[in-house]
Amino acid sequence: MKKWHLRLRNLMVDYLALPSDVLLELPRLTMIGNFHLYIENHKGLETYSDTELKLKTTNGYVQILGTSFVLKQMLPEEILLEGEIEEIKYIPE
């Protein structure tokens, strides 16, 4: 994304008080304990196994590591993951 385009979006977020995750197309992760993770605003599933979930985002990837993963819900831009979550990483492109 061009720098001026990103600056304009940041100004709009500040000026209009809009949620930055929506306007900047950032992923939103909501975690309950270490066993329930709800992820919004992703761009697609890259890797899935019972120990790893890797999702494409606008500027890279979100990688979740753990054990006993089960996808409880999967919609075009939302995922509900259950299992024992040990680590969440952001991997820039």
PDB file of N, CA and C in Angstrom:
ATOM      1  N   MET A   1       0.848  -1.167   0.000  1.00  0.00           N
ATOM      2  CA  MET A   1       0.000   0.000   0.000  1.00  0.00           C
ATOM      3  C   MET A   1       0.894   1.231   0.000  1.00  0.00           C
ATOM      4  N   LYS A   2       0.523   2.255  -0.767  1.00  0.00           N
ATOM      5  CA  LYS A   2       1.333   3.461  -0.851  1.00  0.00           C
ATOM      6  C   LYS A   2       1.305   4.211   0.474  1.00  0.00           C
ATOM      7  N   LYS A   3       2.399   4.900   0.757  1.00  0.00           N
ATOM      8  CA  LYS A   3       2.525   5.600   2.030  1.00  0.00           C
ATOM      9  C   LYS A   3       1.467   6.684   2.198  1.00  0.00           C
ATOM     10  N   TRP A   4       1.199   7.457   1.139  1.00  0.00           N
ATOM     11  CA  TRP A   4       0.207   8.521   1.263  1.00  0.00           C
ATOM     12  C   TRP A   4      -1.186   7.941   1.505  1.00  0.00           C
ATOM     13  N   HIS A   5      -1.444   6.786   0.904  1.00  0.00           N
ATOM     14  CA  HIS A   5      -2.739   6.130   1.079  1.00  0.00           C
ATOM     15  C   HIS A   5      -2.914   5.683   2.532  1.00  0.00           C
ATOM     16  N   LEU A   6      -1.850   5.140   3.119  1.00  0.00           N
ATOM     17  CA  LEU A   6      -1.877   4.716   4.520  1.00  0.00           C
ATOM     18  C   LEU A   6      -2.028   5.922   5.448  1.00  0.00           C
ATOM     19  N   ARG A   7      -1.349   7.013   5.147  1.00  0.00           N
ATOM     20  CA  ARG A   7      -1.469   8.230   5.965  1.00  0.00           C
ATOM     21  C   ARG A   7      -2.889   8.781   5.919  1.00  0.00           C
ATOM     22  N   LEU A   8      -3.490   8.769   4.736  1.00  0.00           N
ATOM     23  CA  LEU A   8      -4.867   9.248   4.589  1.00  0.00           C
ATOM     24  C   LEU A   8      -5.823   8.398   5.411  1.00  0.00           C
ATOM     25  N   ARG A   9      -5.654   7.090   5.374  1.00  0.00           N
ATOM     26  CA  ARG A   9      -6.505   6.204   6.174  1.00  0.00           C
ATOM     27  C   ARG A   9      -6.321   6.464   7.669  1.00  0.00           C
ATOM     28  N   ASN A  10      -5.084   6.651   8.099  1.00  0.00           N
ATOM     29  CA  ASN A  10      -4.822   6.942   9.514  1.00  0.00           C
ATOM     30  C   ASN A  10      -5.469   8.259   9.938  1.00  0.00           C
ATOM     31  N   LEU A  11      -5.412   9.272   9.071  1.00  0.00           N
ATOM     32  CA  LEU A  11      -6.072  10.546   9.375  1.00  0.00           C
ATOM     33  C   LEU A  11      -7.579  10.366   9.488  1.00  0.00           C
ATOM     34  N   MET A  12      -8.155   9.560   8.592  1.00  0.00           N
ATOM     35  CA  MET A  12      -9.594   9.318   8.633  1.00  0.00           C
ATOM     36  C   MET A  12      -9.982   8.592   9.922  1.00  0.00           C
ATOM     37  N   VAL A  13      -9.167   7.645  10.339  1.00  0.00           N
ATOM     38  CA  VAL A  13      -9.437   6.926  11.589  1.00  0.00           C
ATOM     39  C   VAL A  13      -9.446   7.913  12.748  1.00  0.00           C
ATOM     40  N   ASP A  14      -8.439   8.795  12.812  1.00  0.00           N
ATOM     41  CA  ASP A  14      -8.344   9.767  13.898  1.00  0.00           C
ATOM     42  C   ASP A  14      -9.459  10.803  13.837  1.00  0.00           C
ATOM     43  N   TYR A  15      -9.712  11.337  12.660  1.00  0.00           N
ATOM     44  CA  TYR A  15     -10.684  12.428  12.513  1.00  0.00           C
ATOM     45  C   TYR A  15     -12.123  11.944  12.672  1.00  0.00           C
ATOM     46  N   LEU A  16     -12.464  10.822  12.052  1.00  0.00           N
ATOM     47  CA  LEU A  16     -13.843  10.342  12.073  1.00  0.00           C
ATOM     48  C   LEU A  16     -14.136   9.379  13.222  1.00  0.00           C
ATOM     49  N   ALA A  17     -13.116   9.046  13.987  1.00  0.00           N
ATOM     50  CA  ALA A  17     -13.261   8.116  15.120  1.00  0.00           C
ATOM     51  C   ALA A  17     -13.846   6.779  14.670  1.00  0.00           C
ATOM     52  N   LEU A  18     -13.383   6.299  13.532  1.00  0.00           N
ATOM     53  CA  LEU A  18     -13.811   5.000  13.023  1.00  0.00           C
ATOM     54  C   LEU A  18     -12.902   3.915  13.583  1.00  0.00           C
ATOM     55  N   PRO A  19     -13.389   2.692  13.701  1.00  0.00           N
ATOM     56  CA  PRO A  19     -12.530   1.597  14.176  1.00  0.00           C
ATOM     57  C   PRO A  19     -11.375   1.357  13.205  1.00  0.00           C
ATOM     58  N   SER A  20     -10.170   1.378  13.702  1.00  0.00           N
ATOM     59  CA  SER A  20      -8.993   1.250  12.839  1.00  0.00           C
ATOM     60  C   SER A  20      -8.909  -0.115  12.174  1.00  0.00           C
ATOM     61  N   ASP A  21      -9.365  -1.174  12.848  1.00  0.00           N
ATOM     62  CA  ASP A  21      -9.268  -2.504  12.244  1.00  0.00           C
ATOM     63  C   ASP A  21     -10.114  -2.607  10.982  1.00  0.00           C
ATOM     64  N   VAL A  22     -11.245  -1.939  10.942  1.00  0.00           N
ATOM     65  CA  VAL A  22     -12.116  -1.993   9.765  1.00  0.00           C
ATOM     66  C   VAL A  22     -11.547  -1.145   8.638  1.00  0.00           C
ATOM     67  N   LEU A  23     -11.210   0.097   8.932  1.00  0.00           N
ATOM     68  CA  LEU A  23     -10.745   1.017   7.904  1.00  0.00           C
ATOM     69  C   LEU A  23      -9.375   0.638   7.356  1.00  0.00           C
ATOM     70  N   LEU A  24      -8.492   0.134   8.203  1.00  0.00           N
ATOM     71  CA  LEU A  24      -7.141  -0.230   7.769  1.00  0.00           C
ATOM     72  C   LEU A  24      -7.031  -1.699   7.351  1.00  0.00           C
ATOM     73  N   GLU A  25      -8.144  -2.415   7.368  1.00  0.00           N
ATOM     74  CA  GLU A  25      -8.189  -3.828   6.986  1.00  0.00           C
ATOM     75  C   GLU A  25      -7.234  -4.680   7.831  1.00  0.00           C
ATOM     76  N   LEU A  26      -7.232  -4.437   9.120  1.00  0.00           N
ATOM     77  CA  LEU A  26      -6.400  -5.194  10.051  1.00  0.00           C
ATOM     78  C   LEU A  26      -7.204  -6.342  10.642  1.00  0.00           C
ATOM     79  N   PRO A  27      -6.545  -7.460  10.957  1.00  0.00           N
ATOM     80  CA  PRO A  27      -7.278  -8.556  11.590  1.00  0.00           C
ATOM     81  C   PRO A  27      -7.633  -8.207  13.038  1.00  0.00           C
ATOM     82  N   ARG A  28      -8.775  -8.712  13.492  1.00  0.00           N
ATOM     83  CA  ARG A  28      -9.191  -8.543  14.889  1.00  0.00           C
ATOM     84  C   ARG A  28      -9.261  -9.928  15.509  1.00  0.00           C
ATOM     85  N   LEU A  29      -8.515 -10.126  16.589  1.00  0.00           N
ATOM     86  CA  LEU A  29      -8.494 -11.406  17.297  1.00  0.00           C
ATOM     87  C   LEU A  29      -9.115 -11.220  18.670  1.00  0.00           C
ATOM     88  N   THR A  30     -10.087 -12.060  18.985  1.00  0.00           N
ATOM     89  CA  THR A  30     -10.723 -12.051  20.295  1.00  0.00           C
ATOM     90  C   THR A  30     -10.482 -13.417  20.914  1.00  0.00           C
ATOM     91  N   MET A  31      -9.796 -13.419  22.063  1.00  0.00           N
ATOM     92  CA  MET A  31      -9.404 -14.676  22.688  1.00  0.00           C
ATOM     93  C   MET A  31     -10.051 -14.805  24.056  1.00  0.00           C
ATOM     94  N   ILE A  32     -10.608 -15.973  24.334  1.00  0.00           N
ATOM     95  CA  ILE A  32     -11.179 -16.272  25.645  1.00  0.00           C
ATOM     96  C   ILE A  32     -10.324 -17.375  26.253  1.00  0.00           C
ATOM     97  N   GLY A  33      -9.623 -17.032  27.325  1.00  0.00           N
ATOM     98  CA  GLY A  33      -8.695 -17.985  27.922  1.00  0.00           C
ATOM     99  C   GLY A  33      -7.628 -18.364  26.911  1.00  0.00           C
ATOM    100  N   ASN A  34      -7.207 -19.619  26.949  1.00  0.00           N
ATOM    101  CA  ASN A  34      -6.252 -20.083  25.938  1.00  0.00           C
ATOM    102  C   ASN A  34      -6.861 -21.203  25.097  1.00  0.00           C
ATOM    103  N   PHE A  35      -8.197 -21.238  25.026  1.00  0.00           N
ATOM    104  CA  PHE A  35      -8.852 -22.328  24.300  1.00  0.00           C
ATOM    105  C   PHE A  35      -9.858 -21.886  23.251  1.00  0.00           C
ATOM    106  N   HIS A  36     -10.128 -20.595  23.114  1.00  0.00           N
ATOM    107  CA  HIS A  36     -11.168 -20.121  22.207  1.00  0.00           C
ATOM    108  C   HIS A  36     -10.661 -18.848  21.522  1.00  0.00           C
ATOM    109  N   LEU A  37     -10.590 -18.827  20.188  1.00  0.00           N
ATOM    110  CA  LEU A  37     -10.087 -17.668  19.450  1.00  0.00           C
ATOM    111  C   LEU A  37     -11.008 -17.364  18.281  1.00  0.00           C
ATOM    112  N   TYR A  38     -11.478 -16.122  18.226  1.00  0.00           N
ATOM    113  CA  TYR A  38     -12.334 -15.650  17.146  1.00  0.00           C
ATOM    114  C   TYR A  38     -11.529 -14.651  16.334  1.00  0.00           C
ATOM    115  N   ILE A  39     -11.386 -14.890  15.022  1.00  0.00           N
ATOM    116  CA  ILE A  39     -10.557 -14.050  14.165  1.00  0.00           C
ATOM    117  C   ILE A  39     -11.435 -13.462  13.073  1.00  0.00           C
ATOM    118  N   GLU A  40     -11.389 -12.136  12.933  1.00  0.00           N
ATOM    119  CA  GLU A  40     -12.142 -11.430  11.906  1.00  0.00           C
ATOM    120  C   GLU A  40     -11.173 -10.712  10.973  1.00  0.00           C
ATOM    121  N   ASN A  41     -11.625 -10.406   9.774  1.00  0.00           N
ATOM    122  CA  ASN A  41     -10.869  -9.593   8.810  1.00  0.00           C
ATOM    123  C   ASN A  41      -9.619 -10.286   8.272  1.00  0.00           C
ATOM    124  N   HIS A  42      -9.662 -11.573   8.056  1.00  0.00           N
ATOM    125  CA  HIS A  42      -8.523 -12.251   7.433  1.00  0.00           C
ATOM    126  C   HIS A  42      -8.784 -12.355   5.923  1.00  0.00           C
ATOM    127  N   LYS A  43      -7.773 -12.723   5.173  1.00  0.00           N
ATOM    128  CA  LYS A  43      -7.876 -12.795   3.715  1.00  0.00           C
ATOM    129  C   LYS A  43      -7.815 -14.220   3.185  1.00  0.00           C
ATOM    130  N   GLY A  44      -7.814 -15.202   4.065  1.00  0.00           N
ATOM    131  CA  GLY A  44      -7.822 -16.586   3.599  1.00  0.00           C
ATOM    132  C   GLY A  44      -6.982 -17.491   4.471  1.00  0.00           C
ATOM    133  N   LEU A  45      -7.309 -18.754   4.404  1.00  0.00           N
ATOM    134  CA  LEU A  45      -6.628 -19.787   5.172  1.00  0.00           C
ATOM    135  C   LEU A  45      -5.400 -20.255   4.400  1.00  0.00           C
ATOM    136  N   GLU A  46      -4.241 -20.166   5.033  1.00  0.00           N
ATOM    137  CA  GLU A  46      -2.985 -20.589   4.407  1.00  0.00           C
ATOM    138  C   GLU A  46      -2.630 -22.014   4.830  1.00  0.00           C
ATOM    139  N   THR A  47      -2.672 -22.288   6.149  1.00  0.00           N
ATOM    140  CA  THR A  47      -2.309 -23.593   6.692  1.00  0.00           C
ATOM    141  C   THR A  47      -3.268 -23.940   7.827  1.00  0.00           C
ATOM    142  N   TYR A  48      -3.682 -25.209   7.870  1.00  0.00           N
ATOM    143  CA  TYR A  48      -4.492 -25.669   8.988  1.00  0.00           C
ATOM    144  C   TYR A  48      -4.124 -27.109   9.328  1.00  0.00           C
ATOM    145  N   SER A  49      -3.873 -27.350  10.614  1.00  0.00           N
ATOM    146  CA  SER A  49      -3.680 -28.708  11.135  1.00  0.00           C
ATOM    147  C   SER A  49      -4.153 -28.693  12.583  1.00  0.00           C
ATOM    148  N   ASP A  50      -4.002 -29.802  13.279  1.00  0.00           N
ATOM    149  CA  ASP A  50      -4.443 -29.823  14.674  1.00  0.00           C
ATOM    150  C   ASP A  50      -3.473 -29.092  15.608  1.00  0.00           C
ATOM    151  N   THR A  51      -2.336 -28.589  15.062  1.00  0.00           N
ATOM    152  CA  THR A  51      -1.369 -27.850  15.880  1.00  0.00           C
ATOM    153  C   THR A  51      -1.044 -26.454  15.343  1.00  0.00           C
ATOM    154  N   GLU A  52      -1.545 -26.100  14.157  1.00  0.00           N
ATOM    155  CA  GLU A  52      -1.208 -24.800  13.557  1.00  0.00           C
ATOM    156  C   GLU A  52      -2.351 -24.277  12.704  1.00  0.00           C
ATOM    157  N   LEU A  53      -2.567 -22.959  12.796  1.00  0.00           N
ATOM    158  CA  LEU A  53      -3.481 -22.244  11.915  1.00  0.00           C
ATOM    159  C   LEU A  53      -2.733 -21.016  11.426  1.00  0.00           C
ATOM    160  N   LYS A  54      -2.675 -20.829  10.115  1.00  0.00           N
ATOM    161  CA  LYS A  54      -1.980 -19.680   9.550  1.00  0.00           C
ATOM    162  C   LYS A  54      -2.933 -19.002   8.575  1.00  0.00           C
ATOM    163  N   LEU A  55      -3.180 -17.704   8.811  1.00  0.00           N
ATOM    164  CA  LEU A  55      -4.115 -16.943   8.000  1.00  0.00           C
ATOM    165  C   LEU A  55      -3.415 -15.804   7.286  1.00  0.00           C
ATOM    166  N   LYS A  56      -3.797 -15.558   6.050  1.00  0.00           N
ATOM    167  CA  LYS A  56      -3.298 -14.428   5.275  1.00  0.00           C
ATOM    168  C   LYS A  56      -4.010 -13.170   5.755  1.00  0.00           C
ATOM    169  N   THR A  57      -3.265 -12.072   5.896  1.00  0.00           N
ATOM    170  CA  THR A  57      -3.840 -10.770   6.221  1.00  0.00           C
ATOM    171  C   THR A  57      -3.386  -9.772   5.172  1.00  0.00           C
ATOM    172  N   THR A  58      -3.807  -8.547   5.295  1.00  0.00           N
ATOM    173  CA  THR A  58      -3.454  -7.521   4.316  1.00  0.00           C
ATOM    174  C   THR A  58      -1.943  -7.339   4.183  1.00  0.00           C
ATOM    175  N   ASN A  59      -1.213  -7.387   5.304  1.00  0.00           N
ATOM    176  CA  ASN A  59       0.230  -7.109   5.288  1.00  0.00           C
ATOM    177  C   ASN A  59       1.102  -8.274   5.707  1.00  0.00           C
ATOM    178  N   GLY A  60       0.564  -9.484   5.750  1.00  0.00           N
ATOM    179  CA  GLY A  60       1.368 -10.622   6.166  1.00  0.00           C
ATOM    180  C   GLY A  60       0.498 -11.785   6.585  1.00  0.00           C
ATOM    181  N   TYR A  61       0.906 -12.443   7.674  1.00  0.00           N
ATOM    182  CA  TYR A  61       0.213 -13.635   8.154  1.00  0.00           C
ATOM    183  C   TYR A  61       0.043 -13.580   9.668  1.00  0.00           C
ATOM    184  N   VAL A  62      -1.002 -14.238  10.156  1.00  0.00           N
ATOM    185  CA  VAL A  62      -1.173 -14.489  11.580  1.00  0.00           C
ATOM    186  C   VAL A  62      -1.053 -15.994  11.758  1.00  0.00           C
ATOM    187  N   GLN A  63      -0.139 -16.417  12.624  1.00  0.00           N
ATOM    188  CA  GLN A  63       0.089 -17.838  12.867  1.00  0.00           C
ATOM    189  C   GLN A  63      -0.270 -18.153  14.316  1.00  0.00           C
ATOM    190  N   ILE A  64      -1.109 -19.168  14.496  1.00  0.00           N
ATOM    191  CA  ILE A  64      -1.513 -19.619  15.821  1.00  0.00           C
ATOM    192  C   ILE A  64      -0.995 -21.033  16.001  1.00  0.00           C
ATOM    193  N   LEU A  65      -0.278 -21.270  17.097  1.00  0.00           N
ATOM    194  CA  LEU A  65       0.284 -22.578  17.387  1.00  0.00           C
ATOM    195  C   LEU A  65      -0.318 -23.123  18.675  1.00  0.00           C
ATOM    196  N   GLY A  66      -0.483 -24.436  18.753  1.00  0.00           N
ATOM    197  CA  GLY A  66      -1.031 -25.069  19.939  1.00  0.00           C
ATOM    198  C   GLY A  66      -1.315 -26.538  19.691  1.00  0.00           C
ATOM    199  N   THR A  67      -2.349 -27.073  20.359  1.00  0.00           N
ATOM    200  CA  THR A  67      -2.709 -28.480  20.202  1.00  0.00           C
ATOM    201  C   THR A  67      -4.231 -28.628  20.155  1.00  0.00           C
ATOM    202  N   SER A  68      -4.672 -29.732  19.584  1.00  0.00           N
ATOM    203  CA  SER A  68      -6.089 -30.122  19.535  1.00  0.00           C
ATOM    204  C   SER A  68      -6.979 -29.066  18.877  1.00  0.00           C
ATOM    205  N   PHE A  69      -6.509 -28.449  17.785  1.00  0.00           N
ATOM    206  CA  PHE A  69      -7.290 -27.416  17.110  1.00  0.00           C
ATOM    207  C   PHE A  69      -8.484 -28.002  16.374  1.00  0.00           C
ATOM    208  N   VAL A  70      -9.602 -27.302  16.471  1.00  0.00           N
ATOM    209  CA  VAL A  70     -10.824 -27.636  15.744  1.00  0.00           C
ATOM    210  C   VAL A  70     -11.414 -26.337  15.224  1.00  0.00           C
ATOM    211  N   LEU A  71     -11.699 -26.269  13.918  1.00  0.00           N
ATOM    212  CA  LEU A  71     -12.379 -25.108  13.350  1.00  0.00           C
ATOM    213  C   LEU A  71     -13.877 -25.278  13.605  1.00  0.00           C
ATOM    214  N   LYS A  72     -14.414 -24.476  14.493  1.00  0.00           N
ATOM    215  CA  LYS A  72     -15.834 -24.571  14.834  1.00  0.00           C
ATOM    216  C   LYS A  72     -16.693 -23.820  13.833  1.00  0.00           C
ATOM    217  N   GLN A  73     -16.147 -22.763  13.246  1.00  0.00           N
ATOM    218  CA  GLN A  73     -16.889 -21.968  12.268  1.00  0.00           C
ATOM    219  C   GLN A  73     -15.901 -21.336  11.307  1.00  0.00           C
ATOM    220  N   MET A  74     -16.238 -21.322  10.017  1.00  0.00           N
ATOM    221  CA  MET A  74     -15.380 -20.688   9.025  1.00  0.00           C
ATOM    222  C   MET A  74     -16.251 -19.990   8.002  1.00  0.00           C
ATOM    223  N   LEU A  75     -16.164 -18.673   7.969  1.00  0.00           N
ATOM    224  CA  LEU A  75     -16.880 -17.833   7.022  1.00  0.00           C
ATOM    225  C   LEU A  75     -15.839 -17.116   6.161  1.00  0.00           C
ATOM    226  N   PRO A  76     -16.244 -16.418   5.105  1.00  0.00           N
ATOM    227  CA  PRO A  76     -15.246 -15.783   4.227  1.00  0.00           C
ATOM    228  C   PRO A  76     -14.213 -14.900   4.939  1.00  0.00           C
ATOM    229  N   GLU A  77     -14.601 -14.170   5.989  1.00  0.00           N
ATOM    230  CA  GLU A  77     -13.644 -13.309   6.690  1.00  0.00           C
ATOM    231  C   GLU A  77     -13.626 -13.538   8.196  1.00  0.00           C
ATOM    232  N   GLU A  78     -14.199 -14.645   8.657  1.00  0.00           N
ATOM    233  CA  GLU A  78     -14.246 -14.924  10.093  1.00  0.00           C
ATOM    234  C   GLU A  78     -13.965 -16.398  10.355  1.00  0.00           C
ATOM    235  N   ILE A  79     -13.247 -16.660  11.441  1.00  0.00           N
ATOM    236  CA  ILE A  79     -12.942 -18.041  11.841  1.00  0.00           C
ATOM    237  C   ILE A  79     -13.078 -18.146  13.358  1.00  0.00           C
ATOM    238  N   LEU A  80     -13.678 -19.238  13.808  1.00  0.00           N
ATOM    239  CA  LEU A  80     -13.750 -19.552  15.228  1.00  0.00           C
ATOM    240  C   LEU A  80     -12.917 -20.817  15.447  1.00  0.00           C
ATOM    241  N   LEU A  81     -11.845 -20.690  16.231  1.00  0.00           N
ATOM    242  CA  LEU A  81     -10.918 -21.783  16.488  1.00  0.00           C
ATOM    243  C   LEU A  81     -10.993 -22.187  17.946  1.00  0.00           C
ATOM    244  N   GLU A  82     -11.051 -23.492  18.191  1.00  0.00           N
ATOM    245  CA  GLU A  82     -11.004 -24.008  19.553  1.00  0.00           C
ATOM    246  C   GLU A  82      -9.856 -24.995  19.667  1.00  0.00           C
ATOM    247  N   GLY A  83      -9.251 -25.049  20.831  1.00  0.00           N
ATOM    248  CA  GLY A  83      -8.121 -25.922  21.110  1.00  0.00           C
ATOM    249  C   GLY A  83      -7.238 -25.249  22.149  1.00  0.00           C
ATOM    250  N   GLU A  84      -6.131 -25.855  22.458  1.00  0.00           N
ATOM    251  CA  GLU A  84      -5.207 -25.255  23.427  1.00  0.00           C
ATOM    252  C   GLU A  84      -4.232 -24.348  22.682  1.00  0.00           C
ATOM    253  N   ILE A  85      -4.419 -23.044  22.815  1.00  0.00           N
ATOM    254  CA  ILE A  85      -3.616 -22.051  22.102  1.00  0.00           C
ATOM    255  C   ILE A  85      -2.382 -21.722  22.939  1.00  0.00           C
ATOM    256  N   GLU A  86      -1.207 -21.904  22.344  1.00  0.00           N
ATOM    257  CA  GLU A  86       0.047 -21.667  23.055  1.00  0.00           C
ATOM    258  C   GLU A  86       0.758 -20.407  22.587  1.00  0.00           C
ATOM    259  N   GLU A  87       0.582 -20.054  21.302  1.00  0.00           N
ATOM    260  CA  GLU A  87       1.350 -18.920  20.762  1.00  0.00           C
ATOM    261  C   GLU A  87       0.609 -18.294  19.580  1.00  0.00           C
ATOM    262  N   ILE A  88       0.633 -16.964  19.512  1.00  0.00           N
ATOM    263  CA  ILE A  88       0.088 -16.227  18.375  1.00  0.00           C
ATOM    264  C   ILE A  88       1.184 -15.317  17.857  1.00  0.00           C
ATOM    265  N   LYS A  89       1.460 -15.409  16.557  1.00  0.00           N
ATOM    266  CA  LYS A  89       2.537 -14.598  15.945  1.00  0.00           C
ATOM    267  C   LYS A  89       1.991 -13.832  14.754  1.00  0.00           C
ATOM    268  N   TYR A  90       2.537 -12.631  14.555  1.00  0.00           N
ATOM    269  CA  TYR A  90       2.297 -11.886  13.318  1.00  0.00           C
ATOM    270  C   TYR A  90       3.571 -11.998  12.484  1.00  0.00           C
ATOM    271  N   ILE A  91       3.439 -12.412  11.241  1.00  0.00           N
ATOM    272  CA  ILE A  91       4.582 -12.579  10.342  1.00  0.00           C
ATOM    273  C   ILE A  91       4.413 -11.589   9.201  1.00  0.00           C
ATOM    274  N   PRO A  92       5.203 -10.501   9.158  1.00  0.00           N
ATOM    275  CA  PRO A  92       5.074  -9.515   8.072  1.00  0.00           C
ATOM    276  C   PRO A  92       5.511 -10.103   6.733  1.00  0.00           C
ATOM    277  N   GLU A  93       4.946  -9.564   5.667  1.00  0.00           N
ATOM    278  CA  GLU A  93       5.313 -10.018   4.321  1.00  0.00           C
ATOM    279  C   GLU A  93       6.603  -9.406   3.876  1.00  0.00           C
TER     280      GLU A  93
END
